[in-house]
Amino acid sequence: MSKHIYMRSKAVHSVQRSAPPPPLQAPKDESKRNQLDCVTEEKPKEKESFFLSWYKHHLKNFFHAVKFPKERKGTSVVNPDNDDDDEENEYDAGLEKKPMQNKEEPTIVVQAITLPEISDPSLLLKEQSRRSLYTSLPALVQGRKWVLLYSTWRHGISLSTLYRKSQLWPGLSLLVVGDKKGSVFGGLVEAPLIPTDYKYQGTNNTFVFTDKSGQPTVYHSTGANRFYTLCSKDLLALGGGGRFALYLDSELLHGSSACSETYGNSCLANSQDFDVKEVELWGFVYGSKYDEVLSLSRKTETICRWS
């Protein structure tokens, strides 16, 4: 009996030693398994969010330090948990950050051009046109008073009278011509205008201009030649080389305009050939000589008008 019991217990122990261990049991509660999955997934996201916020914060501090270098002294404390758009919670070197001061932008003052005194109203030049031409004048004559040395409506239609009146004030003078189609053009010449045997005069300070639309276009010397102004008893011409930039006949009734090498201009009038309506010659006079020259310029000549 005892031997039988002993053999039976020995068999049970051998079976228990040879039996494999029971498998791990999964959590019975399904919600616990979901919580574990969420924990493993949230850790990388939280880590990524932390570094992204830290990077944005440092990038903002960098741009702020470049934009306001004088206001950022020391190193600001990095707190990636703060809102990126909230700059009031930043501190520099343990001290509260000073409020930013807006830098005042420099004020650009545009000074209006003050035109010198003019002796008479011009029948050809409007105020805006005169202002534009004034800026193109050499600095030598800017600031001087304008005196009407000659005009067809006051002194008569005569080329010889224009030459004679140009002697009232030597130096740069502005010749202005208006045709019957409404164009205004002319040029800067060297006075006095002295008739010669087809010999040019003047310097490279001269120019020609056209004022078809109320905004003058100025053509300065190109340096191609020295054909600036040609005066004779038969004609007055500006520019040369090929054709004249501006030509007036001896009676100041007809004229023409074409391209010239001297000034590199296009046709100054609406057409190459034109009929003259008015001619004016303006001198630039010192203030001390203004009254004297003005008195001499207003002496009238025998007036001859053509319809």
C-alpha atoms as a PDB file:
ATOM      1  CA  MET A   1       0.000   0.000   0.000  1.00  0.00           C
ATOM      2  CA  SER A   2       2.654   2.479   0.950  1.00  0.00           C
ATOM      3  CA  LYS A   3       4.725   1.457  -2.050  1.00  0.00           C
ATOM      4  CA  HIS A   4       1.819   2.146  -4.366  1.00  0.00           C
ATOM      5  CA  ILE A   5       1.251   5.615  -2.895  1.00  0.00           C
ATOM      6  CA  TYR A   6       4.938   6.462  -3.242  1.00  0.00           C
ATOM      7  CA  MET A   7       5.020   5.532  -6.952  1.00  0.00           C
ATOM      8  CA  ARG A   8       1.933   7.597  -7.624  1.00  0.00           C
ATOM      9  CA  SER A   9       3.309  10.761  -6.025  1.00  0.00           C
ATOM     10  CA  LYS A  10       6.580  10.359  -7.923  1.00  0.00           C
ATOM     11  CA  ALA A  11       4.705  10.208 -11.221  1.00  0.00           C
ATOM     12  CA  VAL A  12       2.799  13.413 -10.386  1.00  0.00           C
ATOM     13  CA  HIS A  13       6.049  15.285  -9.597  1.00  0.00           C
ATOM     14  CA  SER A  14       7.616  14.198 -12.883  1.00  0.00           C
ATOM     15  CA  VAL A  15       4.596  15.384 -14.825  1.00  0.00           C
ATOM     16  CA  GLN A  16       4.688  18.768 -13.069  1.00  0.00           C
ATOM     17  CA  ARG A  17       8.407  19.235 -13.858  1.00  0.00           C
ATOM     18  CA  SER A  18       7.963  18.433 -17.559  1.00  0.00           C
ATOM     19  CA  ALA A  19       4.854  20.631 -18.088  1.00  0.00           C
ATOM     20  CA  PRO A  20       5.594  24.019 -19.805  1.00  0.00           C
ATOM     21  CA  PRO A  21       4.914  27.274 -17.962  1.00  0.00           C
ATOM     22  CA  PRO A  22       1.488  28.783 -18.544  1.00  0.00           C
ATOM     23  CA  PRO A  23       1.391  31.618 -21.162  1.00  0.00           C
ATOM     24  CA  LEU A  24       1.157  35.303 -20.121  1.00  0.00           C
ATOM     25  CA  GLN A  25      -2.362  36.391 -19.942  1.00  0.00           C
ATOM     26  CA  ALA A  26      -3.335  39.632 -21.674  1.00  0.00           C
ATOM     27  CA  PRO A  27      -5.094  42.213 -19.603  1.00  0.00           C
ATOM     28  CA  LYS A  28      -8.699  41.326 -19.315  1.00  0.00           C
ATOM     29  CA  ASP A  29      -9.739  44.939 -19.371  1.00  0.00           C
ATOM     30  CA  GLU A  30      -9.577  46.205 -22.993  1.00  0.00           C
ATOM     31  CA  SER A  31      -9.447  49.866 -21.883  1.00  0.00           C
ATOM     32  CA  LYS A  32      -6.157  49.221 -20.054  1.00  0.00           C
ATOM     33  CA  ARG A  33      -4.626  47.979 -23.309  1.00  0.00           C
ATOM     34  CA  ASN A  34      -5.769  51.161 -25.129  1.00  0.00           C
ATOM     35  CA  GLN A  35      -4.280  53.328 -22.393  1.00  0.00           C
ATOM     36  CA  LEU A  36      -0.920  51.587 -22.775  1.00  0.00           C
ATOM     37  CA  ASP A  37      -0.963  52.165 -26.549  1.00  0.00           C
ATOM     38  CA  CYS A  38      -1.795  55.853 -26.034  1.00  0.00           C
ATOM     39  CA  VAL A  39       1.081  56.262 -23.620  1.00  0.00           C
ATOM     40  CA  THR A  40       3.569  54.752 -26.059  1.00  0.00           C
ATOM     41  CA  GLU A  41       2.267  56.948 -28.911  1.00  0.00           C
ATOM     42  CA  GLU A  42       2.098  60.239 -27.006  1.00  0.00           C
ATOM     43  CA  LYS A  43       5.677  60.173 -25.763  1.00  0.00           C
ATOM     44  CA  PRO A  44       7.297  60.771 -29.218  1.00  0.00           C
ATOM     45  CA  LYS A  45       4.698  63.442 -30.043  1.00  0.00           C
ATOM     46  CA  GLU A  46       5.291  65.275 -26.792  1.00  0.00           C
ATOM     47  CA  LYS A  47       9.015  65.124 -27.406  1.00  0.00           C
ATOM     48  CA  GLU A  48       8.622  66.438 -30.945  1.00  0.00           C
ATOM     49  CA  SER A  49       6.291  69.226 -29.774  1.00  0.00           C
ATOM     50  CA  PHE A  50       8.785  70.250 -27.099  1.00  0.00           C
ATOM     51  CA  PHE A  51      11.692  70.582 -29.517  1.00  0.00           C
ATOM     52  CA  LEU A  52       9.528  72.344 -32.133  1.00  0.00           C
ATOM     53  CA  SER A  53       8.390  74.912 -29.578  1.00  0.00           C
ATOM     54  CA  TRP A  54      11.959  75.334 -28.340  1.00  0.00           C
ATOM     55  CA  TYR A  55      13.190  75.891 -31.910  1.00  0.00           C
ATOM     56  CA  LYS A  56      10.483  78.465 -32.693  1.00  0.00           C
ATOM     57  CA  HIS A  57      11.213  80.327 -29.495  1.00  0.00           C
ATOM     58  CA  HIS A  58      14.935  80.561 -30.216  1.00  0.00           C
ATOM     59  CA  LEU A  59      14.289  81.594 -33.828  1.00  0.00           C
ATOM     60  CA  LYS A  60      12.004  84.413 -32.689  1.00  0.00           C
ATOM     61  CA  ASN A  61      14.582  85.605 -30.157  1.00  0.00           C
ATOM     62  CA  PHE A  62      17.230  85.586 -32.876  1.00  0.00           C
ATOM     63  CA  PHE A  63      15.221  87.786 -35.252  1.00  0.00           C
ATOM     64  CA  HIS A  64      14.217  90.080 -32.406  1.00  0.00           C
ATOM     65  CA  ALA A  65      17.855  90.467 -31.362  1.00  0.00           C
ATOM     66  CA  VAL A  66      18.852  91.341 -34.945  1.00  0.00           C
ATOM     67  CA  LYS A  67      16.035  93.864 -35.327  1.00  0.00           C
ATOM     68  CA  PHE A  68      16.461  95.513 -31.917  1.00  0.00           C
ATOM     69  CA  PRO A  69      20.102  94.945 -30.925  1.00  0.00           C
ATOM     70  CA  LYS A  70      20.205  97.775 -28.377  1.00  0.00           C
ATOM     71  CA  GLU A  71      17.142  96.594 -26.488  1.00  0.00           C
ATOM     72  CA  ARG A  72      18.256  93.017 -25.943  1.00  0.00           C
ATOM     73  CA  LYS A  73      21.011  92.906 -23.356  1.00  0.00           C
ATOM     74  CA  GLY A  74      21.918  89.490 -22.054  1.00  0.00           C
ATOM     75  CA  THR A  75      20.270  86.191 -22.821  1.00  0.00           C
ATOM     76  CA  SER A  76      16.560  85.696 -22.479  1.00  0.00           C
ATOM     77  CA  VAL A  77      15.227  82.679 -20.610  1.00  0.00           C
ATOM     78  CA  VAL A  78      13.853  80.003 -22.911  1.00  0.00           C
ATOM     79  CA  ASN A  79      10.488  78.694 -21.921  1.00  0.00           C
ATOM     80  CA  PRO A  80       9.010  76.648 -24.752  1.00  0.00           C
ATOM     81  CA  ASP A  81       5.785  76.119 -22.845  1.00  0.00           C
ATOM     82  CA  ASN A  82       4.878  79.806 -23.209  1.00  0.00           C
ATOM     83  CA  ASP A  83       2.807  81.035 -26.106  1.00  0.00           C
ATOM     84  CA  ASP A  84       4.993  81.908 -29.117  1.00  0.00           C
ATOM     85  CA  ASP A  85       3.161  85.168 -29.690  1.00  0.00           C
ATOM     86  CA  ASP A  86       3.441  86.395 -26.108  1.00  0.00           C
ATOM     87  CA  GLU A  87       6.581  88.538 -25.822  1.00  0.00           C
ATOM     88  CA  GLU A  88       5.620  90.276 -22.596  1.00  0.00           C
ATOM     89  CA  ASN A  89       6.748  87.309 -20.467  1.00  0.00           C
ATOM     90  CA  GLU A  90      10.361  87.364 -21.668  1.00  0.00           C
ATOM     91  CA  TYR A  91      13.121  88.466 -19.360  1.00  0.00           C
ATOM     92  CA  ASP A  92      16.657  89.555 -20.140  1.00  0.00           C
ATOM     93  CA  ALA A  93      19.344  88.412 -17.667  1.00  0.00           C
ATOM     94  CA  GLY A  94      16.821  87.982 -14.885  1.00  0.00           C
ATOM     95  CA  LEU A  95      15.416  91.506 -15.357  1.00  0.00           C
ATOM     96  CA  GLU A  96      12.090  92.381 -16.844  1.00  0.00           C
ATOM     97  CA  LYS A  97      12.379  93.293 -20.505  1.00  0.00           C
ATOM     98  CA  LYS A  98      12.011  96.984 -21.312  1.00  0.00           C
ATOM     99  CA  PRO A  99       9.128  97.898 -23.591  1.00  0.00           C
ATOM    100  CA  MET A 100      10.099  98.239 -27.231  1.00  0.00           C
ATOM    101  CA  GLN A 101      10.319 101.755 -28.572  1.00  0.00           C
ATOM    102  CA  ASN A 102       9.300 102.425 -32.131  1.00  0.00           C
ATOM    103  CA  LYS A 103      12.107 103.968 -34.120  1.00  0.00           C
ATOM    104  CA  GLU A 104      11.158 107.204 -35.788  1.00  0.00           C
ATOM    105  CA  GLU A 105      11.543 107.047 -39.553  1.00  0.00           C
ATOM    106  CA  PRO A 106      13.523 109.907 -41.094  1.00  0.00           C
ATOM    107  CA  THR A 107      11.310 112.611 -42.527  1.00  0.00           C
ATOM    108  CA  ILE A 108      12.090 113.487 -46.127  1.00  0.00           C
ATOM    109  CA  VAL A 109      11.561 117.169 -46.755  1.00  0.00           C
ATOM    110  CA  VAL A 110      10.879 118.029 -50.379  1.00  0.00           C
ATOM    111  CA  GLN A 111      11.664 121.633 -51.027  1.00  0.00           C
ATOM    112  CA  ALA A 112       9.629 123.324 -53.732  1.00  0.00           C
ATOM    113  CA  ILE A 113      11.579 125.074 -56.456  1.00  0.00           C
ATOM    114  CA  THR A 114      11.309 128.826 -56.100  1.00  0.00           C
ATOM    115  CA  LEU A 115      11.453 130.443 -59.512  1.00  0.00           C
ATOM    116  CA  PRO A 116      13.236 133.767 -59.865  1.00  0.00           C
ATOM    117  CA  GLU A 117      11.367 136.935 -60.663  1.00  0.00           C
ATOM    118  CA  ILE A 118      10.231 137.356 -64.263  1.00  0.00           C
ATOM    119  CA  SER A 119       9.890 140.783 -65.907  1.00  0.00           C
ATOM    120  CA  ASP A 120       6.840 140.008 -68.066  1.00  0.00           C
ATOM    121  CA  PRO A 121       4.306 137.218 -68.451  1.00  0.00           C
ATOM    122  CA  SER A 122       5.324 134.822 -71.200  1.00  0.00           C
ATOM    123  CA  LEU A 123       2.878 134.153 -74.019  1.00  0.00           C
ATOM    124  CA  LEU A 124       4.543 130.796 -74.699  1.00  0.00           C
ATOM    125  CA  LEU A 125       5.859 129.312 -71.457  1.00  0.00           C
ATOM    126  CA  LYS A 126       3.436 128.127 -68.808  1.00  0.00           C
ATOM    127  CA  GLU A 127       4.517 128.100 -65.183  1.00  0.00           C
ATOM    128  CA  GLN A 128       5.075 124.339 -65.134  1.00  0.00           C
ATOM    129  CA  SER A 129       7.085 124.460 -68.356  1.00  0.00           C
ATOM    130  CA  ARG A 130       9.212 127.302 -67.034  1.00  0.00           C
ATOM    131  CA  ARG A 131       9.820 125.349 -63.828  1.00  0.00           C
ATOM    132  CA  SER A 132      10.989 122.287 -65.763  1.00  0.00           C
ATOM    133  CA  LEU A 133      13.287 124.319 -67.997  1.00  0.00           C
ATOM    134  CA  TYR A 134      14.706 126.144 -64.994  1.00  0.00           C
ATOM    135  CA  THR A 135      16.064 122.880 -63.548  1.00  0.00           C
ATOM    136  CA  SER A 136      17.880 122.211 -66.858  1.00  0.00           C
ATOM    137  CA  LEU A 137      19.663 125.558 -66.851  1.00  0.00           C
ATOM    138  CA  PRO A 138      23.367 125.607 -65.926  1.00  0.00           C
ATOM    139  CA  ALA A 139      24.018 126.489 -62.288  1.00  0.00           C
ATOM    140  CA  LEU A 140      25.759 129.666 -63.480  1.00  0.00           C
ATOM    141  CA  VAL A 141      22.441 131.336 -64.372  1.00  0.00           C
ATOM    142  CA  GLN A 142      20.089 129.715 -61.869  1.00  0.00           C
ATOM    143  CA  GLY A 143      18.764 132.208 -59.337  1.00  0.00           C
ATOM    144  CA  ARG A 144      19.044 135.179 -61.686  1.00  0.00           C
ATOM    145  CA  LYS A 145      15.996 137.197 -62.678  1.00  0.00           C
ATOM    146  CA  TRP A 146      14.394 136.633 -66.064  1.00  0.00           C
ATOM    147  CA  VAL A 147      14.205 139.664 -68.368  1.00  0.00           C
ATOM    148  CA  LEU A 148      12.347 139.634 -71.671  1.00  0.00           C
ATOM    149  CA  LEU A 149      15.044 140.971 -74.001  1.00  0.00           C
ATOM    150  CA  TYR A 150      13.003 140.530 -77.166  1.00  0.00           C
ATOM    151  CA  SER A 151       9.516 139.488 -78.213  1.00  0.00           C
ATOM    152  CA  THR A 152       7.637 139.744 -81.489  1.00  0.00           C
ATOM    153  CA  TRP A 153       4.552 141.167 -79.757  1.00  0.00           C
ATOM    154  CA  ARG A 154       6.505 144.062 -78.204  1.00  0.00           C
ATOM    155  CA  HIS A 155       9.451 144.735 -80.516  1.00  0.00           C
ATOM    156  CA  GLY A 156       8.106 143.705 -83.904  1.00  0.00           C
ATOM    157  CA  ILE A 157       8.804 140.818 -86.238  1.00  0.00           C
ATOM    158  CA  SER A 158      12.416 141.330 -87.189  1.00  0.00           C
ATOM    159  CA  LEU A 159      15.473 139.074 -87.000  1.00  0.00           C
ATOM    160  CA  SER A 160      17.804 142.087 -86.960  1.00  0.00           C
ATOM    161  CA  THR A 161      15.924 143.494 -83.940  1.00  0.00           C
ATOM    162  CA  LEU A 162      16.313 140.165 -82.142  1.00  0.00           C
ATOM    163  CA  TYR A 163      20.081 140.321 -82.783  1.00  0.00           C
ATOM    164  CA  ARG A 164      20.253 143.876 -81.514  1.00  0.00           C
ATOM    165  CA  LYS A 165      18.247 143.189 -78.336  1.00  0.00           C
ATOM    166  CA  SER A 166      20.406 140.146 -77.532  1.00  0.00           C
ATOM    167  CA  GLN A 167      23.307 142.569 -76.939  1.00  0.00           C
ATOM    168  CA  LEU A 168      21.568 144.062 -73.879  1.00  0.00           C
ATOM    169  CA  TRP A 169      22.829 141.244 -71.690  1.00  0.00           C
ATOM    170  CA  PRO A 170      25.674 138.940 -72.813  1.00  0.00           C
ATOM    171  CA  GLY A 171      25.694 135.342 -71.696  1.00  0.00           C
ATOM    172  CA  LEU A 172      23.235 132.453 -71.823  1.00  0.00           C
ATOM    173  CA  SER A 173      19.759 133.362 -73.098  1.00  0.00           C
ATOM    174  CA  LEU A 174      16.655 131.278 -73.732  1.00  0.00           C
ATOM    175  CA  LEU A 175      15.094 131.433 -77.194  1.00  0.00           C
ATOM    176  CA  VAL A 176      11.447 130.343 -77.232  1.00  0.00           C
ATOM    177  CA  VAL A 177       9.406 129.823 -80.411  1.00  0.00           C
ATOM    178  CA  GLY A 178       5.704 129.080 -80.794  1.00  0.00           C
ATOM    179  CA  ASP A 179       4.102 127.908 -84.041  1.00  0.00           C
ATOM    180  CA  LYS A 180       0.531 128.312 -85.188  1.00  0.00           C
ATOM    181  CA  LYS A 181      -0.301 124.669 -84.366  1.00  0.00           C
ATOM    182  CA  GLY A 182       0.333 125.223 -80.657  1.00  0.00           C
ATOM    183  CA  SER A 183       3.812 123.715 -80.308  1.00  0.00           C
ATOM    184  CA  VAL A 184       6.416 125.472 -78.160  1.00  0.00           C
ATOM    185  CA  PHE A 185      10.134 124.809 -78.607  1.00  0.00           C
ATOM    186  CA  GLY A 186      13.482 126.558 -78.722  1.00  0.00           C
ATOM    187  CA  GLY A 187      16.903 126.404 -77.147  1.00  0.00           C
ATOM    188  CA  LEU A 188      19.531 127.907 -74.886  1.00  0.00           C
ATOM    189  CA  VAL A 189      21.917 130.148 -76.832  1.00  0.00           C
ATOM    190  CA  GLU A 190      24.978 132.290 -76.116  1.00  0.00           C
ATOM    191  CA  ALA A 191      24.278 136.037 -76.376  1.00  0.00           C
ATOM    192  CA  PRO A 192      24.981 138.363 -77.972  1.00  0.00           C
ATOM    193  CA  LEU A 193      23.839 136.784 -81.237  1.00  0.00           C
ATOM    194  CA  ILE A 194      26.189 138.279 -83.810  1.00  0.00           C
ATOM    195  CA  PRO A 195      25.586 137.737 -87.535  1.00  0.00           C
ATOM    196  CA  THR A 196      28.636 136.160 -89.192  1.00  0.00           C
ATOM    197  CA  ASP A 197      29.480 134.602 -92.551  1.00  0.00           C
ATOM    198  CA  TYR A 198      28.139 131.176 -91.672  1.00  0.00           C
ATOM    199  CA  LYS A 199      30.391 130.679 -88.685  1.00  0.00           C
ATOM    200  CA  TYR A 200      28.961 128.824 -85.701  1.00  0.00           C
ATOM    201  CA  GLN A 201      29.130 130.211 -82.181  1.00  0.00           C
ATOM    202  CA  GLY A 202      28.210 129.059 -78.669  1.00  0.00           C
ATOM    203  CA  THR A 203      29.384 126.395 -76.212  1.00  0.00           C
ATOM    204  CA  ASN A 204      28.322 122.942 -75.032  1.00  0.00           C
ATOM    205  CA  ASN A 205      26.257 124.586 -72.253  1.00  0.00           C
ATOM    206  CA  THR A 206      23.548 125.170 -74.826  1.00  0.00           C
ATOM    207  CA  PHE A 207      20.614 122.857 -75.549  1.00  0.00           C
ATOM    208  CA  VAL A 208      17.364 122.618 -77.497  1.00  0.00           C
ATOM    209  CA  PHE A 209      13.960 121.639 -76.154  1.00  0.00           C
ATOM    210  CA  THR A 210      10.410 120.861 -77.184  1.00  0.00           C
ATOM    211  CA  ASP A 211       7.243 121.386 -75.168  1.00  0.00           C
ATOM    212  CA  LYS A 212       4.473 119.689 -77.092  1.00  0.00           C
ATOM    213  CA  SER A 213       2.583 118.254 -74.107  1.00  0.00           C
ATOM    214  CA  GLY A 214       3.305 120.763 -71.312  1.00  0.00           C
ATOM    215  CA  GLN A 215       6.328 118.793 -70.076  1.00  0.00           C
ATOM    216  CA  PRO A 216       9.494 120.011 -71.851  1.00  0.00           C
ATOM    217  CA  THR A 217      11.978 117.511 -73.252  1.00  0.00           C
ATOM    218  CA  VAL A 218      15.547 118.841 -73.258  1.00  0.00           C
ATOM    219  CA  TYR A 219      18.278 117.692 -75.639  1.00  0.00           C
ATOM    220  CA  HIS A 220      21.800 118.520 -74.487  1.00  0.00           C
ATOM    221  CA  SER A 221      24.938 118.549 -76.592  1.00  0.00           C
ATOM    222  CA  THR A 222      26.121 115.112 -77.727  1.00  0.00           C
ATOM    223  CA  GLY A 223      29.702 116.258 -78.361  1.00  0.00           C
ATOM    224  CA  ALA A 224      29.539 115.055 -81.989  1.00  0.00           C
ATOM    225  CA  ASN A 225      30.377 118.549 -83.282  1.00  0.00           C
ATOM    226  CA  ARG A 226      30.401 122.227 -82.298  1.00  0.00           C
ATOM    227  CA  PHE A 227      27.563 123.419 -84.518  1.00  0.00           C
ATOM    228  CA  TYR A 228      25.688 125.138 -81.707  1.00  0.00           C
ATOM    229  CA  THR A 229      24.286 128.432 -83.056  1.00  0.00           C
ATOM    230  CA  LEU A 230      24.490 129.916 -86.535  1.00  0.00           C
ATOM    231  CA  CYS A 231      23.586 133.578 -87.030  1.00  0.00           C
ATOM    232  CA  SER A 232      23.417 135.431 -90.344  1.00  0.00           C
ATOM    233  CA  LYS A 233      21.297 138.142 -91.931  1.00  0.00           C
ATOM    234  CA  ASP A 234      19.287 135.456 -93.689  1.00  0.00           C
ATOM    235  CA  LEU A 235      18.670 132.927 -90.907  1.00  0.00           C
ATOM    236  CA  LEU A 236      19.022 131.875 -87.299  1.00  0.00           C
ATOM    237  CA  ALA A 237      19.716 128.180 -86.733  1.00  0.00           C
ATOM    238  CA  LEU A 238      20.452 125.943 -83.742  1.00  0.00           C
ATOM    239  CA  GLY A 239      22.244 122.611 -84.060  1.00  0.00           C
ATOM    240  CA  GLY A 240      23.792 121.156 -87.182  1.00  0.00           C
ATOM    241  CA  GLY A 241      25.249 118.093 -88.818  1.00  0.00           C
ATOM    242  CA  GLY A 242      22.833 116.884 -91.439  1.00  0.00           C
ATOM    243  CA  ARG A 243      19.949 119.299 -90.829  1.00  0.00           C
ATOM    244  CA  PHE A 244      19.232 122.075 -88.346  1.00  0.00           C
ATOM    245  CA  ALA A 245      17.528 121.257 -85.059  1.00  0.00           C
ATOM    246  CA  LEU A 246      15.762 124.640 -85.347  1.00  0.00           C
ATOM    247  CA  TYR A 247      15.751 127.040 -88.299  1.00  0.00           C
ATOM    248  CA  LEU A 248      14.126 130.503 -88.536  1.00  0.00           C
ATOM    249  CA  ASP A 249      14.080 132.642 -91.664  1.00  0.00           C
ATOM    250  CA  SER A 250      15.083 136.299 -91.831  1.00  0.00           C
ATOM    251  CA  GLU A 251      11.488 137.512 -91.405  1.00  0.00           C
ATOM    252  CA  LEU A 252      10.691 135.223 -88.443  1.00  0.00           C
ATOM    253  CA  LEU A 253       7.640 133.978 -90.317  1.00  0.00           C
ATOM    254  CA  HIS A 254       8.598 130.437 -91.265  1.00  0.00           C
ATOM    255  CA  GLY A 255      10.876 127.791 -89.897  1.00  0.00           C
ATOM    256  CA  SER A 256      11.751 124.120 -89.826  1.00  0.00           C
ATOM    257  CA  SER A 257      13.006 121.466 -87.430  1.00  0.00           C
ATOM    258  CA  ALA A 258      14.710 118.117 -87.963  1.00  0.00           C
ATOM    259  CA  CYS A 259      17.159 115.700 -86.355  1.00  0.00           C
ATOM    260  CA  SER A 260      20.635 117.110 -85.723  1.00  0.00           C
ATOM    261  CA  GLU A 261      23.914 115.494 -84.744  1.00  0.00           C
ATOM    262  CA  THR A 262      24.759 118.337 -82.376  1.00  0.00           C
ATOM    263  CA  TYR A 263      21.942 117.597 -79.942  1.00  0.00           C
ATOM    264  CA  GLY A 264      20.673 114.185 -81.065  1.00  0.00           C
ATOM    265  CA  ASN A 265      17.133 115.567 -81.074  1.00  0.00           C
ATOM    266  CA  SER A 266      13.980 114.559 -82.845  1.00  0.00           C
ATOM    267  CA  CYS A 267      11.771 117.066 -84.654  1.00  0.00           C
ATOM    268  CA  LEU A 268      10.936 119.800 -82.126  1.00  0.00           C
ATOM    269  CA  ALA A 269       7.677 120.942 -83.779  1.00  0.00           C
ATOM    270  CA  ASN A 270       4.641 118.903 -84.800  1.00  0.00           C
ATOM    271  CA  SER A 271       5.923 118.942 -88.384  1.00  0.00           C
ATOM    272  CA  GLN A 272       9.264 119.699 -89.976  1.00  0.00           C
ATOM    273  CA  ASP A 273       8.024 122.918 -91.593  1.00  0.00           C
ATOM    274  CA  PHE A 274       5.958 125.340 -89.544  1.00  0.00           C
ATOM    275  CA  ASP A 275       4.626 128.902 -89.444  1.00  0.00           C
ATOM    276  CA  VAL A 276       5.902 131.082 -86.618  1.00  0.00           C
ATOM    277  CA  LYS A 277       3.380 132.660 -84.230  1.00  0.00           C
ATOM    278  CA  GLU A 278       5.571 134.184 -81.493  1.00  0.00           C
ATOM    279  CA  VAL A 279       9.274 134.447 -80.632  1.00  0.00           C
ATOM    280  CA  GLU A 280      10.736 135.396 -77.241  1.00  0.00           C
ATOM    281  CA  LEU A 281      14.316 135.814 -76.020  1.00  0.00           C
ATOM    282  CA  TRP A 282      14.900 135.721 -72.255  1.00  0.00           C
ATOM    283  CA  GLY A 283      18.051 136.907 -70.517  1.00  0.00           C
ATOM    284  CA  PHE A 284      19.180 135.921 -67.006  1.00  0.00           C
ATOM    285  CA  VAL A 285      20.250 139.112 -65.231  1.00  0.00           C
ATOM    286  CA  TYR A 286      21.927 139.853 -61.905  1.00  0.00           C
ATOM    287  CA  GLY A 287      19.706 141.556 -59.358  1.00  0.00           C
ATOM    288  CA  SER A 288      21.916 144.663 -59.307  1.00  0.00           C
ATOM    289  CA  LYS A 289      21.516 145.147 -63.094  1.00  0.00           C
ATOM    290  CA  TYR A 290      17.889 144.116 -63.307  1.00  0.00           C
ATOM    291  CA  ASP A 291      16.243 147.551 -63.403  1.00  0.00           C
ATOM    292  CA  GLU A 292      18.726 148.912 -65.904  1.00  0.00           C
ATOM    293  CA  VAL A 293      18.399 146.030 -68.350  1.00  0.00           C
ATOM    294  CA  LEU A 294      14.619 145.945 -67.914  1.00  0.00           C
ATOM    295  CA  SER A 295      14.337 149.623 -68.832  1.00  0.00           C
ATOM    296  CA  LEU A 296      16.400 149.135 -71.998  1.00  0.00           C
ATOM    297  CA  SER A 297      14.506 146.019 -73.028  1.00  0.00           C
ATOM    298  CA  ARG A 298      11.139 147.746 -72.902  1.00  0.00           C
ATOM    299  CA  LYS A 299      12.034 150.320 -75.493  1.00  0.00           C
ATOM    300  CA  THR A 300       9.755 149.445 -78.358  1.00  0.00           C
ATOM    301  CA  GLU A 301      10.678 149.143 -81.989  1.00  0.00           C
ATOM    302  CA  THR A 302       8.546 149.724 -85.033  1.00  0.00           C
ATOM    303  CA  ILE A 303       5.980 146.950 -84.687  1.00  0.00           C
ATOM    304  CA  CYS A 304       5.029 144.946 -87.734  1.00  0.00           C
ATOM    305  CA  ARG A 305       2.439 142.231 -87.251  1.00  0.00           C
ATOM    306  CA  TRP A 306       1.359 139.519 -89.636  1.00  0.00           C
ATOM    307  CA  SER A 307      -1.941 137.745 -89.382  1.00  0.00           C
END
